[in-house]
Structures are given as C-alpha cells and as structure tokens.
Amino acid sequence: MNSVMDKNRRFYDRFVADMIHEKFPEYEDRIAVGIAGEGSDCFGYDDEISRDHDFGTGVCLWLTDEDMARFGNLLSIAYNELVDSAERSFFTDRLRERRGVMTVRRFYSNILNVGCDAESGSMTEEQWLALDHSCLKTATNGEVFRDDPGVFTAFRQYLMGYYPDRVWRMRIARQLHEYASSLQVNYARCMTRGDTVAAEMCRARGLSSAMELFFLLKREYPPYYKWTFRALTELDAEGSFSSKIKELSGERIRLEAWEGTRYLPNRLNYKDGLVSLSEEIASEIELMLAESGLIRVRGRYLEAHVGAILDGIR
C-alpha cells in the first residue's frame, strides 16, 4: 500500500467510520467507502508536484440511487463537516470535488463518460467501444475499504474482467493499423520530403499505439497518458519493450540520413536509427500477437495482421 493510500485509509478508520457509526447507524451497512477515480493518488503516483491540484486526505462514499435519495444529503453534510474540522495541512478544492458522497451511477458514468447503469452490472458492446483505455483504469484503480451492499464492487469487478473479446480484437486491429501507418509508412514519407514536423507527429502517434498495444496484449488498462510510460515500465517485467520505447522517444531525427534518398515503399532506410527502433518494436509486438494466439503467419509489418485479428470476430 502506498503512503498516500495508507493515509486515507487511516483517515477512514479513525474519523469517517466513527462518524458513520455514530450518526448513521441504521445505514452503516449501506455505504461503500474507498479511494478510486481521478487523481494521481489513486494510482499511487502522488508526489510533491501533485500538491498544486490533487492533494489532501479524504475518501469517496458511494451510494445507490435509492440510498442517495433516502439519506445522501445528510451524509454529505456530515462528511463535509468532518473534513473541514479534521486536522490537515492542505486540501485542494479540486480534490474536494473528487471525494465525498456520490452515487455509484454518477461515479462510473462521469469517469467512463457514458451513461452506464452501473447498478445493473453490465454494458453494451457500443458502450465498451466508446470507452477510452485510461478512463477504464481510472474507474478501477485505488482501493475499496468497505462495501457491504456490493453494488460498487460488482461493477468494478465487471470492468476489471477486461474487454469482451470482440471489442478487444477491434481495439488491437485499430492500433496495429495506427502503428503501421504512422511509423512503418508515413514517417519515411515525411522524412523523404524533409518534413520533420510531420515526422515528429508520426513518432508521437506510433509511440502511443505501441504502448497501447502492449497493454492490450497484456490485458491491462493503461492510466492517463502522462502516467502511461511509468505504468508500462511497471508492467514490462523484462524491460525490453519499455527500454525500446524510451529509446524511440529520445532518438534524434536526422535529416542527413535521408539525403539523396528516394522513397521506396518496400525498402527500409536503416541509416535512420528511428526506423531501426520502430522495426524492433514491431517485432516485439508481432511476437506478443503470436503468443496470444492471434496470428499464425509472422511478419513485422503490423498492418498485415489486421485481417487475421478481425477474422476472429467474423
């Protein structure tokens, strides 16, 4: 348990649990409590820099729609009074908005950005397809301290079960296409034209797709983009993939490697180190695809595998 989460847990044990027991004894077993959602502290990534917006001590209290109508307003008043009276060195307004009393439906709908009925414990394929990786990680991070009704935890576990197979394959196919088009095709086109700005955009899109593919093939959700590489290094036990991603991000774009070069779609310019690294990363992705049983025919050009991935849907 990270220190920030530990501090919030102690706050719950010492103050919030007692407040609920004393003021809402008849509803004590109806209130789910924990820390989850937006904020670096929910990922265990909180540091000194985070103190400008996401810092302080507090918890989330999740209620069903019915319980919110029954006693939610009174619980919110009591919790806010507790937060304002408890000793603390600093508590940002932004964090205050992310903690406190809320419905299970509101918590998940706001984070997932879809009008999901969390109390039903399921979503449609269209809703799954509309979701972003990072919002799913945000919806399932942190820790639940208590949940007697089980409604909040049931939907949390449903999301943590990962994408339905059809959605998983469609997302993989989309990112294979994105990586191939940006780093295996368009980067060379841009460099042959001498357009380094567009080439940098190709690099950025390719980096994003490569990392997303790694998480997809490991069946894990990545966090918000500024934390994605950090989470990648934690997930990549061997470190080979993450080290290549770091190299690719730091490789200098060298126009001199393209001087006098004519664009040929089937010939790679290995004089450019960025091209070499892109192919090495593609090779690792190809290996993960094979290990996942998604492809049988090997090849580093990732666009060539899109059909095989989608055939599994059809």
C-alpha atoms as a PDB file:
ATOM      1  CA  MET A   1       0.000   0.000   0.000  1.00  0.00           C
ATOM      2  CA  ASN A   2       1.407   3.410  -0.933  1.00  0.00           C
ATOM      3  CA  SER A   3       1.785   6.043   1.770  1.00  0.00           C
ATOM      4  CA  VAL A   4      -0.947   8.326   0.389  1.00  0.00           C
ATOM      5  CA  MET A   5      -3.442   5.485   0.227  1.00  0.00           C
ATOM      6  CA  ASP A   6      -2.383   4.405   3.701  1.00  0.00           C
ATOM      7  CA  LYS A   7      -3.006   7.914   4.994  1.00  0.00           C
ATOM      8  CA  ASN A   8      -6.502   7.940   3.505  1.00  0.00           C
ATOM      9  CA  ARG A   9      -7.213   4.521   4.940  1.00  0.00           C
ATOM     10  CA  ARG A  10      -6.215   5.738   8.402  1.00  0.00           C
ATOM     11  CA  PHE A  11      -8.451   8.773   7.934  1.00  0.00           C
ATOM     12  CA  TYR A  12     -11.367   6.457   7.185  1.00  0.00           C
ATOM     13  CA  ASP A  13     -10.622   4.127  10.097  1.00  0.00           C
ATOM     14  CA  ARG A  14     -10.078   6.955  12.577  1.00  0.00           C
ATOM     15  CA  PHE A  15     -12.712   9.505  11.567  1.00  0.00           C
ATOM     16  CA  VAL A  16     -15.132   8.512   8.803  1.00  0.00           C
ATOM     17  CA  ALA A  17     -16.070   5.051  10.086  1.00  0.00           C
ATOM     18  CA  ASP A  18     -16.817   6.504  13.541  1.00  0.00           C
ATOM     19  CA  MET A  19     -18.869   9.347  12.062  1.00  0.00           C
ATOM     20  CA  ILE A  20     -20.986   6.906  10.063  1.00  0.00           C
ATOM     21  CA  HIS A  21     -21.424   4.603  13.047  1.00  0.00           C
ATOM     22  CA  GLU A  22     -22.465   7.437  15.350  1.00  0.00           C
ATOM     23  CA  LYS A  23     -24.679   9.479  13.016  1.00  0.00           C
ATOM     24  CA  PHE A  24     -25.987   6.891  10.546  1.00  0.00           C
ATOM     25  CA  PRO A  25     -26.088   3.567  12.418  1.00  0.00           C
ATOM     26  CA  GLU A  26     -29.170   2.377  10.514  1.00  0.00           C
ATOM     27  CA  TYR A  27     -27.388   2.948   7.191  1.00  0.00           C
ATOM     28  CA  GLU A  28     -23.892   1.827   8.166  1.00  0.00           C
ATOM     29  CA  ASP A  29     -24.090  -1.296   6.023  1.00  0.00           C
ATOM     30  CA  ARG A  30     -25.432   0.666   3.029  1.00  0.00           C
ATOM     31  CA  ILE A  31     -22.392   2.892   2.445  1.00  0.00           C
ATOM     32  CA  ALA A  32     -19.428   1.808   0.295  1.00  0.00           C
ATOM     33  CA  VAL A  33     -16.219   3.675   1.112  1.00  0.00           C
ATOM     34  CA  GLY A  34     -12.804   3.834  -0.523  1.00  0.00           C
ATOM     35  CA  ILE A  35     -10.445   5.785  -2.744  1.00  0.00           C
ATOM     36  CA  ALA A  36     -10.766   5.486  -6.518  1.00  0.00           C
ATOM     37  CA  GLY A  37     -11.106   7.606  -9.615  1.00  0.00           C
ATOM     38  CA  GLU A  38      -9.294  10.692 -10.876  1.00  0.00           C
ATOM     39  CA  GLY A  39      -6.120  11.861  -9.209  1.00  0.00           C
ATOM     40  CA  SER A  40      -2.541  10.600  -9.139  1.00  0.00           C
ATOM     41  CA  ASP A  41      -3.011   9.499  -5.525  1.00  0.00           C
ATOM     42  CA  CYS A  42      -5.478   6.834  -6.679  1.00  0.00           C
ATOM     43  CA  PHE A  43      -2.705   5.322  -8.821  1.00  0.00           C
ATOM     44  CA  GLY A  44      -0.049   5.600  -6.137  1.00  0.00           C
ATOM     45  CA  TYR A  45       1.765   8.207  -8.245  1.00  0.00           C
ATOM     46  CA  ASP A  46       1.266  11.196  -5.955  1.00  0.00           C
ATOM     47  CA  ASP A  47       4.374  13.313  -5.332  1.00  0.00           C
ATOM     48  CA  GLU A  48       5.419  16.846  -4.417  1.00  0.00           C
ATOM     49  CA  ILE A  49       4.403  18.160  -7.833  1.00  0.00           C
ATOM     50  CA  SER A  50       0.858  16.855  -7.306  1.00  0.00           C
ATOM     51  CA  ARG A  51       0.297  19.182  -4.385  1.00  0.00           C
ATOM     52  CA  ASP A  52      -0.870  22.001  -6.644  1.00  0.00           C
ATOM     53  CA  HIS A  53      -4.136  20.242  -7.526  1.00  0.00           C
ATOM     54  CA  ASP A  54      -4.618  16.687  -6.180  1.00  0.00           C
ATOM     55  CA  PHE A  55      -3.505  16.616  -2.605  1.00  0.00           C
ATOM     56  CA  GLY A  56      -5.038  16.090   0.804  1.00  0.00           C
ATOM     57  CA  THR A  57      -6.886  13.461   2.769  1.00  0.00           C
ATOM     58  CA  GLY A  58     -10.399  12.282   2.038  1.00  0.00           C
ATOM     59  CA  VAL A  59     -12.464   9.337   0.865  1.00  0.00           C
ATOM     60  CA  CYS A  60     -15.276   8.541  -1.553  1.00  0.00           C
ATOM     61  CA  LEU A  61     -18.620   7.394  -0.163  1.00  0.00           C
ATOM     62  CA  TRP A  62     -20.685   5.571  -2.789  1.00  0.00           C
ATOM     63  CA  LEU A  63     -24.461   5.092  -2.534  1.00  0.00           C
ATOM     64  CA  THR A  64     -27.101   3.516  -4.731  1.00  0.00           C
ATOM     65  CA  ASP A  65     -29.609   5.912  -6.304  1.00  0.00           C
ATOM     66  CA  GLU A  66     -32.221   4.825  -3.778  1.00  0.00           C
ATOM     67  CA  ASP A  67     -29.973   5.404  -0.782  1.00  0.00           C
ATOM     68  CA  MET A  68     -28.840   8.766  -2.118  1.00  0.00           C
ATOM     69  CA  ALA A  69     -32.468   9.899  -2.205  1.00  0.00           C
ATOM     70  CA  ARG A  70     -33.030   8.499   1.279  1.00  0.00           C
ATOM     71  CA  PHE A  71     -30.084   9.913   3.252  1.00  0.00           C
ATOM     72  CA  GLY A  72     -27.397  11.091   0.842  1.00  0.00           C
ATOM     73  CA  ASN A  73     -27.773  14.802   1.517  1.00  0.00           C
ATOM     74  CA  LEU A  74     -27.476  14.369   5.292  1.00  0.00           C
ATOM     75  CA  LEU A  75     -24.463  12.094   4.867  1.00  0.00           C
ATOM     76  CA  SER A  76     -22.809  14.662   2.593  1.00  0.00           C
ATOM     77  CA  ILE A  77     -23.319  17.440   5.148  1.00  0.00           C
ATOM     78  CA  ALA A  78     -21.871  15.291   7.934  1.00  0.00           C
ATOM     79  CA  TYR A  79     -18.867  14.257   5.827  1.00  0.00           C
ATOM     80  CA  ASN A  80     -18.069  17.825   4.762  1.00  0.00           C
ATOM     81  CA  GLU A  81     -18.254  18.997   8.364  1.00  0.00           C
ATOM     82  CA  LEU A  82     -15.829  16.223   9.297  1.00  0.00           C
ATOM     83  CA  VAL A  83     -13.399  17.136   6.527  1.00  0.00           C
ATOM     84  CA  ASP A  84     -13.459  20.803   7.489  1.00  0.00           C
ATOM     85  CA  SER A  85     -12.874  20.065  11.166  1.00  0.00           C
ATOM     86  CA  ALA A  86     -10.242  17.329  10.933  1.00  0.00           C
ATOM     87  CA  GLU A  87      -6.602  18.335  11.160  1.00  0.00           C
ATOM     88  CA  ARG A  88      -4.888  18.595   7.794  1.00  0.00           C
ATOM     89  CA  SER A  89      -2.028  20.611   6.356  1.00  0.00           C
ATOM     90  CA  PHE A  90      -3.536  21.194   2.924  1.00  0.00           C
ATOM     91  CA  PHE A  91      -6.610  20.144   0.981  1.00  0.00           C
ATOM     92  CA  THR A  92      -7.136  21.374  -2.584  1.00  0.00           C
ATOM     93  CA  ASP A  93     -10.532  22.384  -3.944  1.00  0.00           C
ATOM     94  CA  ARG A  94     -10.026  20.097  -6.929  1.00  0.00           C
ATOM     95  CA  LEU A  95      -9.515  17.073  -4.714  1.00  0.00           C
ATOM     96  CA  ARG A  96     -12.571  18.064  -2.678  1.00  0.00           C
ATOM     97  CA  GLU A  97     -14.637  17.752  -5.868  1.00  0.00           C
ATOM     98  CA  ARG A  98     -13.362  14.205  -6.360  1.00  0.00           C
ATOM     99  CA  ARG A  99     -14.135  12.962  -2.857  1.00  0.00           C
ATOM    100  CA  GLY A 100     -17.229  12.844  -0.685  1.00  0.00           C
ATOM    101  CA  VAL A 101     -20.708  11.417  -1.192  1.00  0.00           C
ATOM    102  CA  MET A 102     -21.823  10.362  -4.676  1.00  0.00           C
ATOM    103  CA  THR A 103     -23.920   7.679  -6.324  1.00  0.00           C
ATOM    104  CA  VAL A 104     -22.391   4.571  -7.849  1.00  0.00           C
ATOM    105  CA  ARG A 105     -24.025   5.564 -11.135  1.00  0.00           C
ATOM    106  CA  ARG A 106     -22.553   9.081 -11.068  1.00  0.00           C
ATOM    107  CA  PHE A 107     -19.046   7.885 -10.224  1.00  0.00           C
ATOM    108  CA  TYR A 108     -18.825   5.410 -13.099  1.00  0.00           C
ATOM    109  CA  SER A 109     -20.785   7.474 -15.645  1.00  0.00           C
ATOM    110  CA  ASN A 110     -18.637  10.566 -15.059  1.00  0.00           C
ATOM    111  CA  ILE A 111     -15.361   8.676 -15.347  1.00  0.00           C
ATOM    112  CA  LEU A 112     -16.345   6.437 -18.260  1.00  0.00           C
ATOM    113  CA  ASN A 113     -18.138   9.318 -19.998  1.00  0.00           C
ATOM    114  CA  VAL A 114     -21.051   7.060 -20.942  1.00  0.00           C
ATOM    115  CA  GLY A 115     -24.463   6.901 -19.332  1.00  0.00           C
ATOM    116  CA  CYS A 116     -23.961   3.431 -17.902  1.00  0.00           C
ATOM    117  CA  ASP A 117     -26.327   1.787 -15.460  1.00  0.00           C
ATOM    118  CA  ALA A 118     -23.677   0.636 -13.013  1.00  0.00           C
ATOM    119  CA  GLU A 119     -26.247  -0.954 -10.736  1.00  0.00           C
ATOM    120  CA  SER A 120     -27.165  -3.416 -13.495  1.00  0.00           C
ATOM    121  CA  GLY A 121     -23.547  -4.618 -13.612  1.00  0.00           C
ATOM    122  CA  SER A 122     -23.168  -4.699 -17.406  1.00  0.00           C
ATOM    123  CA  MET A 123     -22.609  -2.591 -20.519  1.00  0.00           C
ATOM    124  CA  THR A 124     -23.441  -2.943 -24.204  1.00  0.00           C
ATOM    125  CA  GLU A 125     -20.811  -3.511 -26.876  1.00  0.00           C
ATOM    126  CA  GLU A 126     -21.430   0.006 -28.158  1.00  0.00           C
ATOM    127  CA  GLN A 127     -20.637   1.394 -24.719  1.00  0.00           C
ATOM    128  CA  TRP A 128     -17.451  -0.684 -24.497  1.00  0.00           C
ATOM    129  CA  LEU A 129     -16.340   0.605 -27.902  1.00  0.00           C
ATOM    130  CA  ALA A 130     -16.926   4.197 -26.822  1.00  0.00           C
ATOM    131  CA  LEU A 131     -14.616   3.896 -23.819  1.00  0.00           C
ATOM    132  CA  ASP A 132     -11.040   5.088 -23.602  1.00  0.00           C
ATOM    133  CA  HIS A 133      -8.312   2.898 -22.073  1.00  0.00           C
ATOM    134  CA  SER A 134      -7.343   5.426 -19.460  1.00  0.00           C
ATOM    135  CA  CYS A 135     -10.867   6.012 -18.178  1.00  0.00           C
ATOM    136  CA  LEU A 136     -11.196   2.282 -17.529  1.00  0.00           C
ATOM    137  CA  LYS A 137      -8.021   2.303 -15.469  1.00  0.00           C
ATOM    138  CA  THR A 138      -9.283   5.353 -13.617  1.00  0.00           C
ATOM    139  CA  ALA A 139     -12.573   3.602 -12.852  1.00  0.00           C
ATOM    140  CA  THR A 140     -10.811   0.542 -11.409  1.00  0.00           C
ATOM    141  CA  ASN A 141      -7.830   1.997  -9.557  1.00  0.00           C
ATOM    142  CA  GLY A 142      -7.415   2.702  -5.852  1.00  0.00           C
ATOM    143  CA  GLU A 143      -8.904   0.604  -3.086  1.00  0.00           C
ATOM    144  CA  VAL A 144     -12.338  -0.147  -1.641  1.00  0.00           C
ATOM    145  CA  PHE A 145     -12.285  -0.100   2.174  1.00  0.00           C
ATOM    146  CA  ARG A 146     -15.829  -1.309   2.794  1.00  0.00           C
ATOM    147  CA  ASP A 147     -18.753  -2.268   0.570  1.00  0.00           C
ATOM    148  CA  ASP A 148     -21.484  -4.259   2.286  1.00  0.00           C
ATOM    149  CA  PRO A 149     -24.103  -3.699  -0.463  1.00  0.00           C
ATOM    150  CA  GLY A 150     -21.555  -4.883  -3.066  1.00  0.00           C
ATOM    151  CA  VAL A 151     -23.019  -2.807  -5.905  1.00  0.00           C
ATOM    152  CA  PHE A 152     -19.960  -0.608  -6.379  1.00  0.00           C
ATOM    153  CA  THR A 153     -17.545  -3.547  -6.172  1.00  0.00           C
ATOM    154  CA  ALA A 154     -19.610  -5.735  -8.511  1.00  0.00           C
ATOM    155  CA  PHE A 155     -19.361  -3.209 -11.359  1.00  0.00           C
ATOM    156  CA  ARG A 156     -15.706  -2.616 -10.537  1.00  0.00           C
ATOM    157  CA  GLN A 157     -15.010  -6.346 -10.886  1.00  0.00           C
ATOM    158  CA  TYR A 158     -17.018  -6.432 -14.124  1.00  0.00           C
ATOM    159  CA  LEU A 159     -14.794  -3.726 -15.633  1.00  0.00           C
ATOM    160  CA  MET A 160     -11.636  -5.374 -14.324  1.00  0.00           C
ATOM    161  CA  GLY A 161     -12.654  -8.515 -16.226  1.00  0.00           C
ATOM    162  CA  TYR A 162     -11.395  -6.623 -19.289  1.00  0.00           C
ATOM    163  CA  TYR A 163     -12.851  -6.031 -22.734  1.00  0.00           C
ATOM    164  CA  PRO A 164     -15.248  -8.501 -24.357  1.00  0.00           C
ATOM    165  CA  ASP A 165     -13.326 -10.498 -26.981  1.00  0.00           C
ATOM    166  CA  ARG A 166     -14.862  -8.714 -29.994  1.00  0.00           C
ATOM    167  CA  VAL A 167     -14.054  -5.294 -28.568  1.00  0.00           C
ATOM    168  CA  TRP A 168     -10.540  -6.434 -27.601  1.00  0.00           C
ATOM    169  CA  ARG A 169      -9.826  -7.579 -31.153  1.00  0.00           C
ATOM    170  CA  MET A 170     -11.221  -4.424 -32.717  1.00  0.00           C
ATOM    171  CA  ARG A 171      -9.032  -2.252 -30.488  1.00  0.00           C
ATOM    172  CA  ILE A 172      -5.949  -4.306 -31.306  1.00  0.00           C
ATOM    173  CA  ALA A 173      -6.668  -4.080 -35.040  1.00  0.00           C
ATOM    174  CA  ARG A 174      -7.123  -0.309 -34.789  1.00  0.00           C
ATOM    175  CA  GLN A 175      -3.782   0.179 -33.048  1.00  0.00           C
ATOM    176  CA  LEU A 176      -1.924  -2.172 -35.399  1.00  0.00           C
ATOM    177  CA  HIS A 177      -3.140  -0.016 -38.275  1.00  0.00           C
ATOM    178  CA  GLU A 178      -2.194   3.169 -36.407  1.00  0.00           C
ATOM    179  CA  TYR A 179       1.332   1.962 -35.654  1.00  0.00           C
ATOM    180  CA  ALA A 180       1.946   0.696 -39.183  1.00  0.00           C
ATOM    181  CA  SER A 181       0.624   3.816 -40.879  1.00  0.00           C
ATOM    182  CA  SER A 182       2.458   6.272 -38.623  1.00  0.00           C
ATOM    183  CA  LEU A 183       5.883   4.654 -38.068  1.00  0.00           C
ATOM    184  CA  GLN A 184       6.196   1.986 -40.756  1.00  0.00           C
ATOM    185  CA  VAL A 185       4.857   4.047 -43.673  1.00  0.00           C
ATOM    186  CA  ASN A 186       4.233   7.753 -43.137  1.00  0.00           C
ATOM    187  CA  TYR A 187       7.375   8.524 -41.142  1.00  0.00           C
ATOM    188  CA  ALA A 188       9.535   7.564 -44.144  1.00  0.00           C
ATOM    189  CA  ARG A 189       7.330   9.555 -46.499  1.00  0.00           C
ATOM    190  CA  CYS A 190       7.635  12.649 -44.309  1.00  0.00           C
ATOM    191  CA  MET A 191      11.393  12.332 -43.915  1.00  0.00           C
ATOM    192  CA  THR A 192      11.882  11.855 -47.652  1.00  0.00           C
ATOM    193  CA  ARG A 193      10.041  15.150 -48.119  1.00  0.00           C
ATOM    194  CA  GLY A 194      12.120  16.779 -45.383  1.00  0.00           C
ATOM    195  CA  ASP A 195       9.018  17.472 -43.257  1.00  0.00           C
ATOM    196  CA  THR A 196      10.378  16.902 -39.766  1.00  0.00           C
ATOM    197  CA  VAL A 197       7.317  18.359 -38.027  1.00  0.00           C
ATOM    198  CA  ALA A 198       5.045  15.770 -39.618  1.00  0.00           C
ATOM    199  CA  ALA A 199       7.677  13.107 -38.890  1.00  0.00           C
ATOM    200  CA  GLU A 200       7.594  14.043 -35.202  1.00  0.00           C
ATOM    201  CA  MET A 201       3.826  13.655 -35.240  1.00  0.00           C
ATOM    202  CA  CYS A 202       4.268  10.190 -36.750  1.00  0.00           C
ATOM    203  CA  ARG A 203       6.676   9.309 -33.971  1.00  0.00           C
ATOM    204  CA  ALA A 204       4.240  10.504 -31.277  1.00  0.00           C
ATOM    205  CA  ARG A 205       1.305   8.574 -32.751  1.00  0.00           C
ATOM    206  CA  GLY A 206       3.434   5.473 -33.141  1.00  0.00           C
ATOM    207  CA  LEU A 207       4.699   5.653 -29.556  1.00  0.00           C
ATOM    208  CA  SER A 208       1.135   5.935 -28.278  1.00  0.00           C
ATOM    209  CA  SER A 209      -0.050   2.982 -30.386  1.00  0.00           C
ATOM    210  CA  ALA A 210       2.891   0.791 -29.407  1.00  0.00           C
ATOM    211  CA  MET A 211       2.264   1.318 -25.709  1.00  0.00           C
ATOM    212  CA  GLU A 212      -1.467   0.801 -26.130  1.00  0.00           C
ATOM    213  CA  LEU A 213      -0.827  -2.469 -27.961  1.00  0.00           C
ATOM    214  CA  PHE A 214       1.413  -3.662 -25.137  1.00  0.00           C
ATOM    215  CA  PHE A 215      -1.327  -3.054 -22.584  1.00  0.00           C
ATOM    216  CA  LEU A 216      -3.964  -4.633 -24.828  1.00  0.00           C
ATOM    217  CA  LEU A 217      -1.919  -7.780 -25.315  1.00  0.00           C
ATOM    218  CA  LYS A 218      -1.215  -7.974 -21.572  1.00  0.00           C
ATOM    219  CA  ARG A 219      -4.953  -7.416 -20.918  1.00  0.00           C
ATOM    220  CA  GLU A 220      -4.306  -4.428 -18.689  1.00  0.00           C
ATOM    221  CA  TYR A 221      -5.693  -0.895 -18.865  1.00  0.00           C
ATOM    222  CA  PRO A 222      -3.135   1.926 -19.044  1.00  0.00           C
ATOM    223  CA  PRO A 223      -3.637   5.066 -16.939  1.00  0.00           C
ATOM    224  CA  TYR A 224      -3.926   8.672 -18.102  1.00  0.00           C
ATOM    225  CA  TYR A 225      -1.382   9.409 -20.850  1.00  0.00           C
ATOM    226  CA  LYS A 226       1.128  11.235 -18.643  1.00  0.00           C
ATOM    227  CA  TRP A 227       1.411   8.097 -16.480  1.00  0.00           C
ATOM    228  CA  THR A 228       1.315   5.528 -19.314  1.00  0.00           C
ATOM    229  CA  PHE A 229       5.062   5.039 -19.688  1.00  0.00           C
ATOM    230  CA  ARG A 230       5.544   4.756 -15.929  1.00  0.00           C
ATOM    231  CA  ALA A 231       2.834   2.085 -15.790  1.00  0.00           C
ATOM    232  CA  LEU A 232       4.420   0.385 -18.799  1.00  0.00           C
ATOM    233  CA  THR A 233       7.770   0.070 -17.036  1.00  0.00           C
ATOM    234  CA  GLU A 234       5.985  -1.490 -14.053  1.00  0.00           C
ATOM    235  CA  LEU A 235       4.138  -3.998 -16.259  1.00  0.00           C
ATOM    236  CA  ASP A 236       7.106  -4.832 -18.501  1.00  0.00           C
ATOM    237  CA  ALA A 237       8.927  -7.216 -16.163  1.00  0.00           C
ATOM    238  CA  GLU A 238      11.806  -7.928 -18.566  1.00  0.00           C
ATOM    239  CA  GLY A 239      12.194  -4.268 -19.511  1.00  0.00           C
ATOM    240  CA  SER A 240      12.971  -4.908 -23.170  1.00  0.00           C
ATOM    241  CA  PHE A 241       9.863  -3.293 -24.613  1.00  0.00           C
ATOM    242  CA  SER A 242       9.867  -0.254 -22.334  1.00  0.00           C
ATOM    243  CA  SER A 243      13.565   0.380 -22.959  1.00  0.00           C
ATOM    244  CA  LYS A 244      12.956   0.440 -26.718  1.00  0.00           C
ATOM    245  CA  ILE A 245      10.033   2.816 -26.239  1.00  0.00           C
ATOM    246  CA  LYS A 246      12.296   5.141 -24.263  1.00  0.00           C
ATOM    247  CA  GLU A 247      14.980   4.920 -26.926  1.00  0.00           C
ATOM    248  CA  LEU A 248      12.459   5.692 -29.657  1.00  0.00           C
ATOM    249  CA  SER A 249      11.204   8.757 -27.795  1.00  0.00           C
ATOM    250  CA  GLY A 250      14.739  10.112 -27.395  1.00  0.00           C
ATOM    251  CA  GLU A 251      16.178   9.242 -30.797  1.00  0.00           C
ATOM    252  CA  ARG A 252      17.247  12.318 -32.725  1.00  0.00           C
ATOM    253  CA  ILE A 253      15.564  12.880 -36.068  1.00  0.00           C
ATOM    254  CA  ARG A 254      18.389  13.011 -38.595  1.00  0.00           C
ATOM    255  CA  LEU A 255      17.635  14.577 -41.959  1.00  0.00           C
ATOM    256  CA  GLU A 256      21.137  13.681 -43.139  1.00  0.00           C
ATOM    257  CA  ALA A 257      20.149  10.008 -43.126  1.00  0.00           C
ATOM    258  CA  TRP A 258      17.624  10.804 -45.861  1.00  0.00           C
ATOM    259  CA  GLU A 259      19.777  12.965 -48.119  1.00  0.00           C
ATOM    260  CA  GLY A 260      19.692  11.680 -51.688  1.00  0.00           C
ATOM    261  CA  THR A 261      17.145   9.005 -50.678  1.00  0.00           C
ATOM    262  CA  ARG A 262      14.187   8.228 -52.923  1.00  0.00           C
ATOM    263  CA  TYR A 263      11.042   6.916 -51.246  1.00  0.00           C
ATOM    264  CA  LEU A 264      10.547   3.222 -51.919  1.00  0.00           C
ATOM    265  CA  PRO A 265       7.602   1.654 -50.022  1.00  0.00           C
ATOM    266  CA  ASN A 266       9.241  -1.757 -49.690  1.00  0.00           C
ATOM    267  CA  ARG A 267      12.722  -0.605 -48.710  1.00  0.00           C
ATOM    268  CA  LEU A 268      13.548   0.491 -45.158  1.00  0.00           C
ATOM    269  CA  ASN A 269      16.128   3.186 -44.542  1.00  0.00           C
ATOM    270  CA  TYR A 270      18.119   1.676 -41.690  1.00  0.00           C
ATOM    271  CA  LYS A 271      20.545   4.591 -41.789  1.00  0.00           C
ATOM    272  CA  ASP A 272      17.907   6.325 -39.644  1.00  0.00           C
ATOM    273  CA  GLY A 273      18.056   4.874 -36.132  1.00  0.00           C
ATOM    274  CA  LEU A 274      14.400   5.714 -35.583  1.00  0.00           C
ATOM    275  CA  VAL A 275      13.445   3.351 -38.405  1.00  0.00           C
ATOM    276  CA  SER A 276      15.511   0.553 -36.860  1.00  0.00           C
ATOM    277  CA  LEU A 277      13.927   1.046 -33.442  1.00  0.00           C
ATOM    278  CA  SER A 278      10.444   1.140 -34.968  1.00  0.00           C
ATOM    279  CA  GLU A 279      11.049  -2.233 -36.591  1.00  0.00           C
ATOM    280  CA  GLU A 280      12.446  -3.706 -33.367  1.00  0.00           C
ATOM    281  CA  ILE A 281       9.328  -2.618 -31.504  1.00  0.00           C
ATOM    282  CA  ALA A 282       7.140  -4.016 -34.285  1.00  0.00           C
ATOM    283  CA  SER A 283       8.991  -7.323 -33.938  1.00  0.00           C
ATOM    284  CA  GLU A 284       8.204  -7.459 -30.207  1.00  0.00           C
ATOM    285  CA  ILE A 285       4.544  -6.677 -30.882  1.00  0.00           C
ATOM    286  CA  GLU A 286       4.464  -9.394 -33.540  1.00  0.00           C
ATOM    287  CA  LEU A 287       5.841 -11.890 -31.001  1.00  0.00           C
ATOM    288  CA  MET A 288       3.175 -10.912 -28.449  1.00  0.00           C
ATOM    289  CA  LEU A 289       0.474 -11.334 -31.087  1.00  0.00           C
ATOM    290  CA  ALA A 290       1.728 -14.837 -31.817  1.00  0.00           C
ATOM    291  CA  GLU A 291       1.976 -15.743 -28.125  1.00  0.00           C
ATOM    292  CA  SER A 292      -1.617 -14.574 -27.659  1.00  0.00           C
ATOM    293  CA  GLY A 293      -2.739 -16.918 -30.439  1.00  0.00           C
ATOM    294  CA  LEU A 294      -3.971 -14.039 -32.563  1.00  0.00           C
ATOM    295  CA  ILE A 295      -1.755 -14.675 -35.606  1.00  0.00           C
ATOM    296  CA  ARG A 296      -0.164 -17.710 -37.250  1.00  0.00           C
ATOM    297  CA  VAL A 297       1.808 -16.096 -40.068  1.00  0.00           C
ATOM    298  CA  ARG A 298       4.697 -13.998 -38.791  1.00  0.00           C
ATOM    299  CA  GLY A 299       5.769 -10.632 -40.142  1.00  0.00           C
ATOM    300  CA  ARG A 300       6.919  -7.274 -38.762  1.00  0.00           C
ATOM    301  CA  TYR A 301       4.661  -5.141 -40.943  1.00  0.00           C
ATOM    302  CA  LEU A 302       1.802  -4.833 -38.469  1.00  0.00           C
ATOM    303  CA  GLU A 303      -0.875  -3.736 -40.943  1.00  0.00           C
ATOM    304  CA  ALA A 304      -0.631  -7.218 -42.487  1.00  0.00           C
ATOM    305  CA  HIS A 305      -2.049  -8.753 -39.288  1.00  0.00           C
ATOM    306  CA  VAL A 306      -5.198  -6.639 -39.123  1.00  0.00           C
ATOM    307  CA  GLY A 307      -7.197  -9.058 -41.293  1.00  0.00           C
ATOM    308  CA  ALA A 308      -6.277 -12.054 -39.145  1.00  0.00           C
ATOM    309  CA  ILE A 309      -7.280 -10.216 -35.978  1.00  0.00           C
ATOM    310  CA  LEU A 310     -10.637  -9.202 -37.425  1.00  0.00           C
ATOM    311  CA  ASP A 311     -11.239 -12.689 -38.842  1.00  0.00           C
ATOM    312  CA  GLY A 312     -11.534 -13.835 -35.247  1.00  0.00           C
ATOM    313  CA  ILE A 313     -14.584 -11.568 -34.936  1.00  0.00           C
ATOM    314  CA  ARG A 314     -16.225 -12.606 -38.165  1.00  0.00           C
END
